[in-house]
Structure formats: structure tokens, C-alpha cells
Amino acid sequence: MLIAAGVACASPRAADTANLTPSERAAIVEVTGCGMAGDTRGSGIGIGEDLVVVPAHLVLQAAVVEVNVLGVPHPATVVVLDRPKDLALLHVDGVSFGAIEYGALAAGDRATLIGGSNSGSLPVRVLDRVTLTIEEALGTDRYDRLGYQLEVEASRGDSGAGIYDSSDRLVGMLFAVQGDTGVGWATAAEEIATLLATGRSMYECDEQDSFIAESGA
């Protein structure tokens, strides 16, 4: 079964974003549940200006989202939601990450998971680069996405952590682990880059449905 899987200082500002390390882009995401939904916690990646990418399943039932970057909490709102790819973008007040560089890996390559809310940093080995056909976030319809099958000892709560190559390029984002088998699954960076081109909206908690909905929809 697939289970959706710092150093205290000032948060990154525009003047400091040219050479941010993966650890400086790591975000811990605290979610207060919407309606009957419970609270939850996961990870995210600062990928550009005031944006943090997270798995959509982490924030689909959010009333309040708080993003902790380098030990500093910031209020955040969902501005892009892609349930078929299980991706969401958060606008985070008071931060600026600047552009991120993307990469790609092949079977057998080594990488590092950075920013897991439970596990911190972990070694990763790519088992395969695949096209995943999987249910949309908290739904039943199935869609394709580019991704990786990984050998990584990650755990629940690490979902949303970045997978980086040896040159600190983002190659993917962890979204699930397969029980205690040491196998994980990541969405490829190409899918994240595509998400950045999506127009922004505003989402808010629908108390009756216990899910977020686009404002005015």
C-alpha cells in the first residue's frame, strides 16, 4: 500500500536567493483541518519567488496552512491546485526563494532527499524512471505523471520533500512510500516546472465538504 509520505535564522529574502541550498528551500508545512478533516503535517520545496510546492493531498482539506522555513513560521495560501498530478503551489508571505534549477536522473543514479519533516535528509537510489498511472489526490480517477521509483528509507510526513542530484538540482518531489519496504515514489521535476506556468487562483475551506474550493467557484 502506498502511504502519502533546520537551522534557525531569517527566512530567505530576494537579495539572498541566487545561491540557495536545498536545505534553505526546505519547508515544513503545518495544516489545520477544514471542517471534519484532521490536522496534518508534511514537507514542501521553495521553488520560486514566494512559492512553495507541496503534494496536493497535503492541503486539499486545509482550513489554515502555515509554512516553516529555516525555523520561521509564515502564513500560506493555496494558489494552484492540480489534483490529477497531486501537486499544489502555496503563496507564502514574507519569503522569496528565487528560481530553482531542475535536473533528471536515470535508473541506478544516486541522489539525496532533503527537507523531510520526519527524516530530514536521506540517501536515495533511483530504481527506475517511470510514467506513473495513479489515482488523483484523494480521488478515484487515474492519471499519468512522470516520476521515479526510489530506494529510500523515508516515512509518512516526508511527503513533499525534494529529491536533489549531486549538483543540487531538483529532480523530483517525494509523494508516497510503500509501507516499510524502503521503496518510495516521486513526481518528476518536469511536472513541477509545468505547474509553475499555471495561473493563480484563491482557495478556501468549504466547511460542509471538508475540502478546499476555488473562491467564487
N, C-alpha and C. Protein backbone atom coordinates (compact mmCIF):
# COMPACT_ATOMS: atom_id res chain seq x y z
N MET A 1 0.85 -1.19 0.00
CA MET A 1 0.00 0.00 0.00
C MET A 1 0.88 1.23 0.00
N LEU A 2 0.53 2.21 -0.80
CA LEU A 2 1.27 3.47 -0.83
C LEU A 2 0.75 4.38 0.26
N ILE A 3 1.66 4.96 1.04
CA ILE A 3 1.28 5.88 2.12
C ILE A 3 1.85 7.24 1.79
N ALA A 4 0.99 8.24 1.72
CA ALA A 4 1.49 9.56 1.44
C ALA A 4 2.52 9.93 2.52
N ALA A 5 3.55 9.93 1.86
CA ALA A 5 4.69 10.18 2.74
C ALA A 5 5.00 11.69 3.23
N GLY A 6 16.43 21.92 10.51
CA GLY A 6 16.79 23.33 10.16
C GLY A 6 17.66 24.11 11.15
N VAL A 7 17.95 24.89 10.45
CA VAL A 7 18.76 25.79 11.27
C VAL A 7 18.00 27.09 11.43
N ALA A 8 17.86 27.56 12.66
CA ALA A 8 17.06 28.76 12.92
C ALA A 8 17.81 30.01 12.47
N CYS A 9 17.20 30.74 11.54
CA CYS A 9 17.73 32.03 11.10
C CYS A 9 16.64 32.70 10.28
N ALA A 10 16.93 33.88 9.75
CA ALA A 10 15.91 34.61 8.99
C ALA A 10 15.55 33.84 7.73
N SER A 11 14.30 33.97 7.29
CA SER A 11 13.86 33.32 6.07
C SER A 11 14.51 33.97 4.86
N PRO A 12 14.63 33.24 3.74
CA PRO A 12 15.30 33.77 2.56
C PRO A 12 14.59 34.99 2.00
N ARG A 13 15.35 36.01 1.66
CA ARG A 13 14.83 37.23 1.05
C ARG A 13 15.39 37.37 -0.35
N ALA A 14 14.85 38.31 -1.11
CA ALA A 14 15.18 38.44 -2.52
C ALA A 14 16.68 38.58 -2.76
N ALA A 15 17.38 39.34 -1.90
CA ALA A 15 18.80 39.59 -2.14
C ALA A 15 19.65 38.35 -1.91
N ASP A 16 19.08 37.32 -1.28
CA ASP A 16 19.88 36.16 -0.87
C ASP A 16 19.56 34.91 -1.67
N THR A 17 18.79 35.02 -2.75
CA THR A 17 18.24 33.82 -3.38
C THR A 17 19.08 33.26 -4.52
N ALA A 18 20.15 33.92 -4.91
CA ALA A 18 20.89 33.47 -6.08
C ALA A 18 21.49 32.08 -5.88
N ASN A 19 21.95 31.78 -4.67
CA ASN A 19 22.64 30.51 -4.43
C ASN A 19 22.06 29.78 -3.24
N LEU A 20 20.75 29.72 -3.15
CA LEU A 20 20.13 29.00 -2.05
C LEU A 20 20.45 27.51 -2.13
N THR A 21 20.77 26.92 -1.01
CA THR A 21 20.99 25.48 -0.96
C THR A 21 19.65 24.77 -0.86
N PRO A 22 19.60 23.47 -1.15
CA PRO A 22 18.36 22.72 -0.97
C PRO A 22 17.80 22.82 0.45
N SER A 23 18.67 22.84 1.44
CA SER A 23 18.19 22.95 2.83
C SER A 23 17.51 24.29 3.08
N GLU A 24 17.98 25.34 2.41
CA GLU A 24 17.36 26.65 2.57
C GLU A 24 16.03 26.75 1.85
N ARG A 25 15.76 25.82 0.93
CA ARG A 25 14.48 25.78 0.24
C ARG A 25 13.49 24.83 0.92
N ALA A 26 13.96 24.09 1.91
CA ALA A 26 13.11 23.10 2.57
C ALA A 26 12.07 23.79 3.45
N ALA A 27 10.84 23.29 3.39
CA ALA A 27 9.74 23.87 4.17
C ALA A 27 9.00 22.76 4.91
N ILE A 28 8.64 23.05 6.15
CA ILE A 28 7.77 22.17 6.92
C ILE A 28 6.37 22.79 6.90
N VAL A 29 5.38 22.01 6.50
CA VAL A 29 4.03 22.53 6.28
C VAL A 29 3.09 21.97 7.34
N GLU A 30 2.49 22.88 8.11
CA GLU A 30 1.52 22.50 9.15
C GLU A 30 0.13 22.89 8.67
N VAL A 31 -0.79 21.92 8.70
CA VAL A 31 -2.14 22.13 8.16
C VAL A 31 -3.17 21.93 9.26
N THR A 32 -4.02 22.94 9.45
CA THR A 32 -5.19 22.81 10.32
C THR A 32 -6.35 22.36 9.45
N GLY A 33 -7.02 21.28 9.84
CA GLY A 33 -8.03 20.66 9.01
C GLY A 33 -9.27 21.51 8.78
N CYS A 34 -9.86 21.32 7.60
CA CYS A 34 -11.08 22.01 7.20
C CYS A 34 -12.29 21.16 7.58
N GLY A 35 -13.29 21.76 8.22
CA GLY A 35 -14.49 21.03 8.58
C GLY A 35 -14.18 19.86 9.49
N MET A 36 -14.51 18.64 9.03
CA MET A 36 -14.29 17.44 9.82
C MET A 36 -12.90 16.84 9.62
N ALA A 37 -12.08 17.42 8.77
CA ALA A 37 -10.75 16.89 8.49
C ALA A 37 -9.82 17.16 9.66
N GLY A 38 -8.89 16.25 9.88
CA GLY A 38 -7.92 16.42 10.95
C GLY A 38 -6.72 17.26 10.54
N ASP A 39 -5.93 17.63 11.53
CA ASP A 39 -4.70 18.37 11.26
C ASP A 39 -3.65 17.41 10.69
N THR A 40 -2.71 17.95 9.91
CA THR A 40 -1.66 17.11 9.35
C THR A 40 -0.39 17.92 9.15
N ARG A 41 0.68 17.22 8.80
CA ARG A 41 2.00 17.84 8.68
C ARG A 41 2.75 17.17 7.55
N GLY A 42 3.48 17.96 6.78
CA GLY A 42 4.26 17.41 5.68
C GLY A 42 5.39 18.34 5.30
N SER A 43 5.86 18.19 4.08
CA SER A 43 7.03 18.92 3.61
C SER A 43 6.72 19.67 2.33
N GLY A 44 7.60 20.60 1.98
CA GLY A 44 7.46 21.35 0.74
C GLY A 44 8.80 21.88 0.29
N ILE A 45 8.80 22.48 -0.91
CA ILE A 45 10.04 22.97 -1.53
C ILE A 45 9.81 24.39 -2.04
N GLY A 46 10.67 25.32 -1.64
CA GLY A 46 10.62 26.67 -2.18
C GLY A 46 11.19 26.69 -3.58
N ILE A 47 10.35 27.02 -4.58
CA ILE A 47 10.79 26.86 -5.97
C ILE A 47 10.81 28.15 -6.77
N GLY A 48 10.32 29.25 -6.22
CA GLY A 48 10.38 30.48 -6.99
C GLY A 48 9.66 31.60 -6.30
N GLU A 49 10.33 32.73 -6.15
CA GLU A 49 9.74 33.89 -5.51
C GLU A 49 9.08 33.50 -4.19
N ASP A 50 7.75 33.67 -4.11
CA ASP A 50 7.05 33.41 -2.84
C ASP A 50 6.30 32.08 -2.87
N LEU A 51 6.76 31.13 -3.67
CA LEU A 51 6.01 29.90 -3.90
C LEU A 51 6.70 28.68 -3.30
N VAL A 52 5.89 27.82 -2.69
CA VAL A 52 6.32 26.52 -2.19
C VAL A 52 5.45 25.45 -2.84
N VAL A 53 6.07 24.42 -3.41
CA VAL A 53 5.32 23.33 -4.00
C VAL A 53 5.16 22.22 -2.95
N VAL A 54 3.97 21.65 -2.89
CA VAL A 54 3.64 20.57 -1.95
C VAL A 54 2.78 19.54 -2.67
N PRO A 55 2.65 18.33 -2.13
CA PRO A 55 1.67 17.40 -2.67
C PRO A 55 0.26 17.94 -2.41
N ALA A 56 -0.61 17.83 -3.41
CA ALA A 56 -1.97 18.34 -3.25
C ALA A 56 -2.69 17.66 -2.10
N HIS A 57 -2.40 16.37 -1.88
CA HIS A 57 -3.12 15.66 -0.81
C HIS A 57 -2.85 16.25 0.56
N LEU A 58 -1.74 16.99 0.71
CA LEU A 58 -1.41 17.60 1.99
C LEU A 58 -2.33 18.76 2.33
N VAL A 59 -2.81 19.50 1.32
CA VAL A 59 -3.55 20.74 1.58
C VAL A 59 -4.99 20.70 1.08
N LEU A 60 -5.44 19.60 0.51
CA LEU A 60 -6.80 19.53 -0.03
C LEU A 60 -7.87 19.72 1.03
N GLN A 61 -7.55 19.40 2.26
CA GLN A 61 -8.52 19.55 3.34
C GLN A 61 -8.01 20.52 4.40
N ALA A 62 -7.47 21.66 3.93
CA ALA A 62 -6.84 22.63 4.82
C ALA A 62 -7.74 23.83 5.07
N ALA A 63 -7.89 24.18 6.34
CA ALA A 63 -8.53 25.45 6.69
C ALA A 63 -7.47 26.53 6.86
N VAL A 64 -6.33 26.16 7.46
CA VAL A 64 -5.22 27.09 7.69
C VAL A 64 -3.93 26.35 7.35
N VAL A 65 -3.04 27.05 6.62
CA VAL A 65 -1.74 26.47 6.28
C VAL A 65 -0.65 27.38 6.80
N GLU A 66 0.32 26.79 7.49
CA GLU A 66 1.49 27.52 7.97
C GLU A 66 2.74 26.83 7.45
N VAL A 67 3.66 27.61 6.90
CA VAL A 67 4.90 27.08 6.33
C VAL A 67 6.07 27.57 7.16
N ASN A 68 6.87 26.63 7.64
CA ASN A 68 8.05 26.96 8.43
C ASN A 68 9.29 26.84 7.56
N VAL A 69 10.00 27.95 7.40
CA VAL A 69 11.22 27.99 6.59
C VAL A 69 12.37 28.45 7.47
N LEU A 70 13.38 27.61 7.61
CA LEU A 70 14.56 27.94 8.41
C LEU A 70 14.17 28.36 9.83
N GLY A 71 13.18 27.67 10.38
CA GLY A 71 12.77 27.91 11.76
C GLY A 71 11.80 29.04 11.96
N VAL A 72 11.38 29.69 10.87
CA VAL A 72 10.46 30.83 10.96
C VAL A 72 9.12 30.46 10.34
N PRO A 73 8.00 30.58 11.10
CA PRO A 73 6.69 30.25 10.53
C PRO A 73 6.12 31.40 9.71
N HIS A 74 5.41 31.06 8.61
CA HIS A 74 4.79 32.05 7.74
C HIS A 74 3.40 31.57 7.35
N PRO A 75 2.42 32.47 7.30
CA PRO A 75 1.10 32.08 6.78
C PRO A 75 1.18 31.81 5.29
N ALA A 76 0.37 30.86 4.83
CA ALA A 76 0.40 30.48 3.41
C ALA A 76 -1.02 30.22 2.93
N THR A 77 -1.21 30.38 1.61
CA THR A 77 -2.49 30.10 0.98
C THR A 77 -2.27 29.29 -0.29
N VAL A 78 -3.23 28.42 -0.60
CA VAL A 78 -3.16 27.63 -1.83
C VAL A 78 -3.55 28.52 -3.01
N VAL A 79 -2.68 28.57 -4.04
CA VAL A 79 -2.97 29.41 -5.20
C VAL A 79 -3.02 28.61 -6.50
N VAL A 80 -2.49 27.39 -6.52
CA VAL A 80 -2.59 26.49 -7.67
C VAL A 80 -2.84 25.09 -7.14
N LEU A 81 -3.79 24.40 -7.77
CA LEU A 81 -4.14 23.05 -7.34
C LEU A 81 -4.29 22.16 -8.57
N ASP A 82 -3.52 21.07 -8.61
CA ASP A 82 -3.60 20.10 -9.70
C ASP A 82 -3.78 18.71 -9.07
N ARG A 83 -5.03 18.31 -8.89
CA ARG A 83 -5.31 17.03 -8.24
C ARG A 83 -4.84 15.84 -9.06
N PRO A 84 -4.99 15.83 -10.40
CA PRO A 84 -4.50 14.69 -11.17
C PRO A 84 -3.01 14.42 -11.00
N LYS A 85 -2.20 15.48 -10.85
CA LYS A 85 -0.76 15.30 -10.66
C LYS A 85 -0.37 15.33 -9.18
N ASP A 86 -1.35 15.50 -8.29
CA ASP A 86 -1.11 15.58 -6.84
C ASP A 86 -0.08 16.66 -6.51
N LEU A 87 -0.29 17.85 -7.09
CA LEU A 87 0.61 18.98 -6.87
C LEU A 87 -0.19 20.22 -6.50
N ALA A 88 0.40 21.05 -5.65
CA ALA A 88 -0.21 22.34 -5.31
C ALA A 88 0.90 23.35 -5.08
N LEU A 89 0.59 24.62 -5.35
CA LEU A 89 1.50 25.71 -5.04
C LEU A 89 0.92 26.55 -3.92
N LEU A 90 1.77 26.90 -2.97
CA LEU A 90 1.39 27.79 -1.88
C LEU A 90 2.06 29.14 -2.06
N HIS A 91 1.29 30.21 -1.90
CA HIS A 91 1.88 31.54 -1.74
C HIS A 91 2.22 31.71 -0.27
N VAL A 92 3.47 32.04 0.01
CA VAL A 92 3.94 32.16 1.39
C VAL A 92 4.36 33.59 1.65
N ASP A 93 3.74 34.22 2.63
CA ASP A 93 4.07 35.60 2.97
C ASP A 93 5.47 35.70 3.56
N GLY A 94 6.22 36.73 3.13
CA GLY A 94 7.48 37.07 3.77
C GLY A 94 8.70 36.28 3.33
N VAL A 95 8.61 35.56 2.21
CA VAL A 95 9.78 34.83 1.72
C VAL A 95 9.98 35.10 0.23
N SER A 96 11.20 34.85 -0.25
CA SER A 96 11.48 34.90 -1.69
C SER A 96 12.59 33.90 -1.96
N PHE A 97 12.27 32.86 -2.73
CA PHE A 97 13.22 31.77 -2.95
C PHE A 97 14.02 31.93 -4.24
N GLY A 98 13.51 32.70 -5.19
CA GLY A 98 14.19 32.78 -6.47
C GLY A 98 14.01 31.50 -7.28
N ALA A 99 14.48 31.52 -8.52
CA ALA A 99 14.31 30.39 -9.42
C ALA A 99 15.13 29.20 -8.95
N ILE A 100 14.65 28.01 -9.27
CA ILE A 100 15.34 26.78 -8.92
C ILE A 100 15.78 26.08 -10.21
N GLU A 101 16.88 25.35 -10.14
CA GLU A 101 17.38 24.62 -11.30
C GLU A 101 16.90 23.18 -11.23
N TYR A 102 16.45 22.66 -12.38
CA TYR A 102 15.91 21.31 -12.44
C TYR A 102 16.90 20.36 -13.11
N GLY A 103 16.77 19.08 -12.74
CA GLY A 103 17.59 18.04 -13.36
C GLY A 103 16.76 16.79 -13.58
N ALA A 104 17.41 15.74 -14.07
CA ALA A 104 16.76 14.46 -14.29
C ALA A 104 17.75 13.35 -14.00
N LEU A 105 17.24 12.18 -13.60
CA LEU A 105 18.08 11.05 -13.26
C LEU A 105 17.62 9.80 -14.01
N ALA A 106 18.49 8.80 -14.02
CA ALA A 106 18.18 7.51 -14.64
C ALA A 106 18.34 6.41 -13.61
N ALA A 107 17.85 5.22 -13.94
CA ALA A 107 17.96 4.08 -13.04
C ALA A 107 19.41 3.86 -12.64
N GLY A 108 19.62 3.66 -11.33
CA GLY A 108 20.96 3.44 -10.80
C GLY A 108 21.63 4.69 -10.26
N ASP A 109 21.13 5.87 -10.64
CA ASP A 109 21.73 7.12 -10.16
C ASP A 109 21.47 7.31 -8.67
N ARG A 110 22.38 8.04 -8.03
CA ARG A 110 22.26 8.37 -6.61
C ARG A 110 21.77 9.80 -6.46
N ALA A 111 21.05 10.04 -5.38
CA ALA A 111 20.52 11.37 -5.11
C ALA A 111 20.36 11.52 -3.60
N THR A 112 19.78 12.65 -3.18
CA THR A 112 19.56 12.90 -1.76
C THR A 112 18.17 13.48 -1.56
N LEU A 113 17.44 12.92 -0.61
CA LEU A 113 16.18 13.53 -0.17
C LEU A 113 16.53 14.57 0.88
N ILE A 114 16.02 15.78 0.72
CA ILE A 114 16.32 16.87 1.64
C ILE A 114 15.02 17.56 2.04
N GLY A 115 14.86 17.76 3.35
CA GLY A 115 13.72 18.52 3.85
C GLY A 115 12.55 17.69 4.30
N GLY A 116 12.74 16.40 4.57
CA GLY A 116 11.64 15.59 5.08
C GLY A 116 11.25 16.03 6.48
N SER A 117 9.97 16.26 6.73
CA SER A 117 9.55 16.75 8.04
C SER A 117 9.78 15.73 9.14
N ASN A 118 9.89 14.45 8.79
CA ASN A 118 10.20 13.41 9.77
C ASN A 118 11.65 12.98 9.72
N SER A 119 12.21 12.84 8.52
CA SER A 119 13.51 12.20 8.38
C SER A 119 14.65 13.14 8.03
N GLY A 120 14.36 14.40 7.74
CA GLY A 120 15.43 15.32 7.36
C GLY A 120 16.02 14.97 6.01
N SER A 121 17.29 14.56 5.98
CA SER A 121 17.96 14.20 4.74
C SER A 121 18.26 12.71 4.73
N LEU A 122 18.13 12.10 3.53
CA LEU A 122 18.33 10.67 3.38
C LEU A 122 18.98 10.37 2.04
N PRO A 123 19.82 9.33 1.98
CA PRO A 123 20.35 8.90 0.68
C PRO A 123 19.26 8.24 -0.16
N VAL A 124 19.36 8.40 -1.47
CA VAL A 124 18.36 7.89 -2.41
C VAL A 124 19.08 7.19 -3.56
N ARG A 125 18.52 6.07 -4.00
CA ARG A 125 18.97 5.45 -5.24
C ARG A 125 17.76 5.31 -6.15
N VAL A 126 17.92 5.70 -7.41
CA VAL A 126 16.83 5.61 -8.37
C VAL A 126 16.71 4.17 -8.86
N LEU A 127 15.54 3.57 -8.65
CA LEU A 127 15.27 2.23 -9.16
C LEU A 127 14.80 2.27 -10.60
N ASP A 128 14.01 3.29 -10.92
CA ASP A 128 13.52 3.41 -12.30
C ASP A 128 12.92 4.79 -12.50
N ARG A 129 13.00 5.28 -13.71
CA ARG A 129 12.27 6.48 -14.13
C ARG A 129 11.06 5.99 -14.91
N VAL A 130 9.87 6.38 -14.49
CA VAL A 130 8.65 5.74 -14.99
C VAL A 130 7.57 6.78 -15.28
N THR A 131 6.57 6.34 -16.05
CA THR A 131 5.31 7.07 -16.14
C THR A 131 4.35 6.38 -15.19
N LEU A 132 3.93 7.10 -14.16
CA LEU A 132 3.06 6.56 -13.13
C LEU A 132 1.61 6.76 -13.51
N THR A 133 0.81 5.74 -13.36
CA THR A 133 -0.64 5.87 -13.52
C THR A 133 -1.25 5.63 -12.14
N ILE A 134 -1.80 6.67 -11.56
CA ILE A 134 -2.19 6.61 -10.16
C ILE A 134 -3.42 7.48 -9.92
N GLU A 135 -4.16 7.18 -8.85
CA GLU A 135 -5.36 7.95 -8.55
C GLU A 135 -5.01 9.41 -8.26
N GLU A 136 -5.91 10.31 -8.66
CA GLU A 136 -5.73 11.72 -8.32
C GLU A 136 -5.76 11.87 -6.80
N ALA A 137 -5.27 12.99 -6.30
CA ALA A 137 -5.20 13.22 -4.87
C ALA A 137 -6.58 13.10 -4.22
N LEU A 138 -6.68 12.19 -3.26
CA LEU A 138 -7.91 11.94 -2.51
C LEU A 138 -9.10 11.70 -3.43
N GLY A 139 -8.86 11.02 -4.55
CA GLY A 139 -9.92 10.71 -5.50
C GLY A 139 -9.75 9.31 -6.06
N THR A 140 -10.55 8.99 -7.07
CA THR A 140 -10.52 7.64 -7.66
C THR A 140 -10.15 7.64 -9.14
N ASP A 141 -10.29 8.76 -9.83
CA ASP A 141 -9.90 8.82 -11.24
C ASP A 141 -8.38 8.69 -11.36
N ARG A 142 -7.92 7.99 -12.40
CA ARG A 142 -6.50 7.72 -12.56
C ARG A 142 -5.90 8.55 -13.69
N TYR A 143 -4.68 9.05 -13.45
CA TYR A 143 -4.00 9.90 -14.41
C TYR A 143 -2.52 9.52 -14.47
N ASP A 144 -1.87 9.91 -15.58
CA ASP A 144 -0.45 9.67 -15.74
C ASP A 144 0.36 10.85 -15.24
N ARG A 145 1.54 10.55 -14.71
CA ARG A 145 2.51 11.59 -14.39
C ARG A 145 3.91 11.01 -14.50
N LEU A 146 4.87 11.85 -14.84
CA LEU A 146 6.26 11.43 -14.88
C LEU A 146 6.80 11.33 -13.46
N GLY A 147 7.58 10.29 -13.21
CA GLY A 147 8.08 10.14 -11.86
C GLY A 147 9.22 9.15 -11.75
N TYR A 148 9.54 8.81 -10.49
CA TYR A 148 10.62 7.90 -10.18
C TYR A 148 10.18 6.89 -9.13
N GLN A 149 10.66 5.66 -9.28
CA GLN A 149 10.61 4.69 -8.20
C GLN A 149 11.97 4.72 -7.51
N LEU A 150 11.96 4.86 -6.18
CA LEU A 150 13.18 5.13 -5.44
C LEU A 150 13.44 4.09 -4.36
N GLU A 151 14.70 3.88 -4.07
CA GLU A 151 15.10 3.18 -2.86
C GLU A 151 15.45 4.25 -1.83
N VAL A 152 14.60 4.39 -0.80
CA VAL A 152 14.79 5.44 0.20
C VAL A 152 14.05 5.04 1.47
N GLU A 153 14.67 5.24 2.62
CA GLU A 153 14.07 4.86 3.89
C GLU A 153 13.26 6.03 4.45
N ALA A 154 12.35 6.56 3.66
CA ALA A 154 11.51 7.68 4.08
C ALA A 154 10.29 7.16 4.82
N SER A 155 9.56 8.08 5.45
CA SER A 155 8.39 7.71 6.24
C SER A 155 7.27 8.71 6.02
N ARG A 156 6.11 8.39 6.55
CA ARG A 156 4.96 9.28 6.47
C ARG A 156 5.34 10.64 7.05
N GLY A 157 4.99 11.71 6.37
CA GLY A 157 5.38 13.06 6.77
C GLY A 157 6.52 13.61 5.94
N ASP A 158 7.29 12.71 5.30
CA ASP A 158 8.34 13.16 4.39
C ASP A 158 7.79 13.51 3.01
N SER A 159 6.52 13.18 2.77
CA SER A 159 5.88 13.53 1.50
C SER A 159 6.00 15.03 1.27
N GLY A 160 6.51 15.40 0.10
CA GLY A 160 6.74 16.81 -0.22
C GLY A 160 8.21 17.20 -0.16
N ALA A 161 9.07 16.32 0.34
CA ALA A 161 10.49 16.62 0.40
C ALA A 161 11.10 16.56 -1.00
N GLY A 162 12.15 17.34 -1.22
CA GLY A 162 12.81 17.39 -2.52
C GLY A 162 13.82 16.28 -2.71
N ILE A 163 13.94 15.81 -3.95
CA ILE A 163 14.98 14.88 -4.34
C ILE A 163 15.97 15.65 -5.22
N TYR A 164 17.25 15.69 -4.80
CA TYR A 164 18.25 16.51 -5.48
C TYR A 164 19.41 15.65 -5.97
N ASP A 165 19.97 16.05 -7.13
CA ASP A 165 21.16 15.37 -7.63
C ASP A 165 22.40 15.94 -6.97
N SER A 166 23.58 15.46 -7.38
CA SER A 166 24.83 15.88 -6.75
C SER A 166 25.19 17.33 -7.02
N SER A 167 24.51 17.95 -8.00
CA SER A 167 24.74 19.37 -8.30
C SER A 167 23.66 20.26 -7.70
N ASP A 168 22.88 19.71 -6.75
CA ASP A 168 21.81 20.43 -6.06
C ASP A 168 20.68 20.86 -6.99
N ARG A 169 20.51 20.14 -8.09
CA ARG A 169 19.37 20.39 -8.97
C ARG A 169 18.19 19.55 -8.49
N LEU A 170 17.00 20.15 -8.51
CA LEU A 170 15.79 19.43 -8.10
C LEU A 170 15.38 18.45 -9.20
N VAL A 171 15.28 17.18 -8.86
CA VAL A 171 14.88 16.18 -9.85
C VAL A 171 13.49 15.61 -9.57
N GLY A 172 12.96 15.84 -8.37
CA GLY A 172 11.63 15.32 -8.07
C GLY A 172 11.19 15.68 -6.68
N MET A 173 9.95 15.30 -6.36
CA MET A 173 9.38 15.52 -5.03
C MET A 173 8.72 14.24 -4.56
N LEU A 174 9.12 13.77 -3.40
CA LEU A 174 8.53 12.56 -2.83
C LEU A 174 7.04 12.77 -2.58
N PHE A 175 6.22 11.77 -2.97
CA PHE A 175 4.79 11.89 -2.66
C PHE A 175 4.23 10.66 -1.95
N ALA A 176 4.97 9.56 -1.91
CA ALA A 176 4.46 8.37 -1.23
C ALA A 176 5.60 7.42 -0.91
N VAL A 177 5.38 6.59 0.13
CA VAL A 177 6.28 5.49 0.45
C VAL A 177 5.46 4.21 0.48
N GLN A 178 6.11 3.10 0.16
CA GLN A 178 5.42 1.82 0.09
C GLN A 178 5.64 1.05 1.39
N GLY A 179 4.83 1.40 2.40
CA GLY A 179 4.94 0.75 3.69
C GLY A 179 6.34 0.87 4.26
N ASP A 180 6.87 -0.26 4.79
CA ASP A 180 8.22 -0.29 5.37
C ASP A 180 9.21 -0.99 4.46
N THR A 181 8.95 -0.97 3.16
CA THR A 181 9.78 -1.72 2.21
C THR A 181 11.04 -0.97 1.79
N GLY A 182 11.16 0.31 2.13
CA GLY A 182 12.28 1.10 1.65
C GLY A 182 12.12 1.57 0.23
N VAL A 183 10.88 1.49 -0.29
CA VAL A 183 10.59 1.97 -1.64
C VAL A 183 9.72 3.21 -1.56
N GLY A 184 10.08 4.22 -2.32
CA GLY A 184 9.29 5.46 -2.37
C GLY A 184 9.03 5.86 -3.80
N TRP A 185 8.16 6.84 -3.94
CA TRP A 185 7.75 7.31 -5.27
C TRP A 185 7.82 8.84 -5.29
N ALA A 186 8.34 9.36 -6.38
CA ALA A 186 8.49 10.82 -6.51
C ALA A 186 7.92 11.29 -7.83
N THR A 187 7.33 12.47 -7.81
CA THR A 187 6.90 13.16 -9.03
C THR A 187 8.11 13.85 -9.64
N ALA A 188 8.29 13.73 -10.95
CA ALA A 188 9.47 14.29 -11.62
C ALA A 188 9.41 15.81 -11.66
N ALA A 189 10.59 16.42 -11.72
CA ALA A 189 10.70 17.88 -11.71
C ALA A 189 10.01 18.51 -12.92
N GLU A 190 9.93 17.80 -14.05
CA GLU A 190 9.25 18.36 -15.22
C GLU A 190 7.80 18.71 -14.91
N GLU A 191 7.15 17.89 -14.09
CA GLU A 191 5.75 18.16 -13.73
C GLU A 191 5.65 19.41 -12.85
N ILE A 192 6.64 19.60 -11.99
CA ILE A 192 6.65 20.78 -11.13
C ILE A 192 6.88 22.04 -11.96
N ALA A 193 7.80 21.97 -12.93
CA ALA A 193 8.07 23.12 -13.79
C ALA A 193 6.81 23.52 -14.57
N THR A 194 6.06 22.54 -15.03
CA THR A 194 4.81 22.82 -15.75
C THR A 194 3.81 23.50 -14.83
N LEU A 195 3.75 23.07 -13.58
CA LEU A 195 2.82 23.66 -12.61
C LEU A 195 3.07 25.15 -12.43
N LEU A 196 4.33 25.55 -12.49
CA LEU A 196 4.67 26.97 -12.28
C LEU A 196 4.06 27.87 -13.34
N ALA A 197 3.77 27.32 -14.52
CA ALA A 197 3.20 28.12 -15.60
C ALA A 197 1.68 28.26 -15.48
N THR A 198 1.09 27.62 -14.48
CA THR A 198 -0.36 27.66 -14.30
C THR A 198 -0.78 28.97 -13.64
N GLY A 199 -1.88 29.57 -14.10
CA GLY A 199 -2.39 30.79 -13.50
C GLY A 199 -2.84 30.57 -12.06
N ARG A 200 -2.68 31.61 -11.25
CA ARG A 200 -3.03 31.50 -9.83
C ARG A 200 -4.51 31.76 -9.60
N SER A 201 -5.04 31.07 -8.59
CA SER A 201 -6.40 31.29 -8.10
C SER A 201 -6.32 31.39 -6.58
N MET A 202 -7.46 31.54 -5.94
CA MET A 202 -7.52 31.53 -4.49
C MET A 202 -8.44 30.40 -4.05
N TYR A 203 -8.04 29.69 -3.01
CA TYR A 203 -8.82 28.58 -2.49
C TYR A 203 -9.11 28.80 -1.02
N GLU A 204 -10.28 28.34 -0.59
CA GLU A 204 -10.65 28.47 0.81
C GLU A 204 -11.41 27.23 1.26
N CYS A 205 -11.47 27.06 2.55
CA CYS A 205 -12.11 25.89 3.14
C CYS A 205 -13.63 25.92 2.95
N ASP A 206 -14.18 24.83 2.44
CA ASP A 206 -15.62 24.63 2.39
C ASP A 206 -15.97 23.72 3.57
N GLU A 207 -16.50 24.30 4.64
CA GLU A 207 -16.73 23.57 5.88
C GLU A 207 -17.66 22.38 5.69
N GLN A 208 -18.64 22.50 4.80
CA GLN A 208 -19.59 21.41 4.61
C GLN A 208 -18.95 20.20 3.95
N ASP A 209 -18.08 20.43 2.96
CA ASP A 209 -17.43 19.33 2.26
C ASP A 209 -16.13 18.89 2.91
N SER A 210 -15.58 19.72 3.79
CA SER A 210 -14.27 19.46 4.41
C SER A 210 -13.14 19.42 3.39
N PHE A 211 -13.31 20.14 2.28
CA PHE A 211 -12.28 20.28 1.24
C PHE A 211 -12.14 21.75 0.88
N ILE A 212 -10.97 22.12 0.33
CA ILE A 212 -10.84 23.47 -0.19
C ILE A 212 -11.56 23.57 -1.54
N ALA A 213 -12.02 24.79 -1.86
CA ALA A 213 -12.68 25.05 -3.13
C ALA A 213 -12.20 26.40 -3.64
N GLU A 214 -12.19 26.55 -4.97
CA GLU A 214 -11.76 27.82 -5.54
C GLU A 214 -12.73 28.92 -5.15
N SER A 215 -12.20 30.03 -4.69
CA SER A 215 -13.04 31.13 -4.24
C SER A 215 -13.90 31.65 -5.37
N GLY A 216 -15.20 31.78 -5.13
CA GLY A 216 -16.12 32.28 -6.14
C GLY A 216 -16.58 31.25 -7.13
N ALA A 217 -16.07 30.01 -7.01
CA ALA A 217 -16.45 28.96 -7.96
C ALA A 217 -17.86 28.41 -7.64
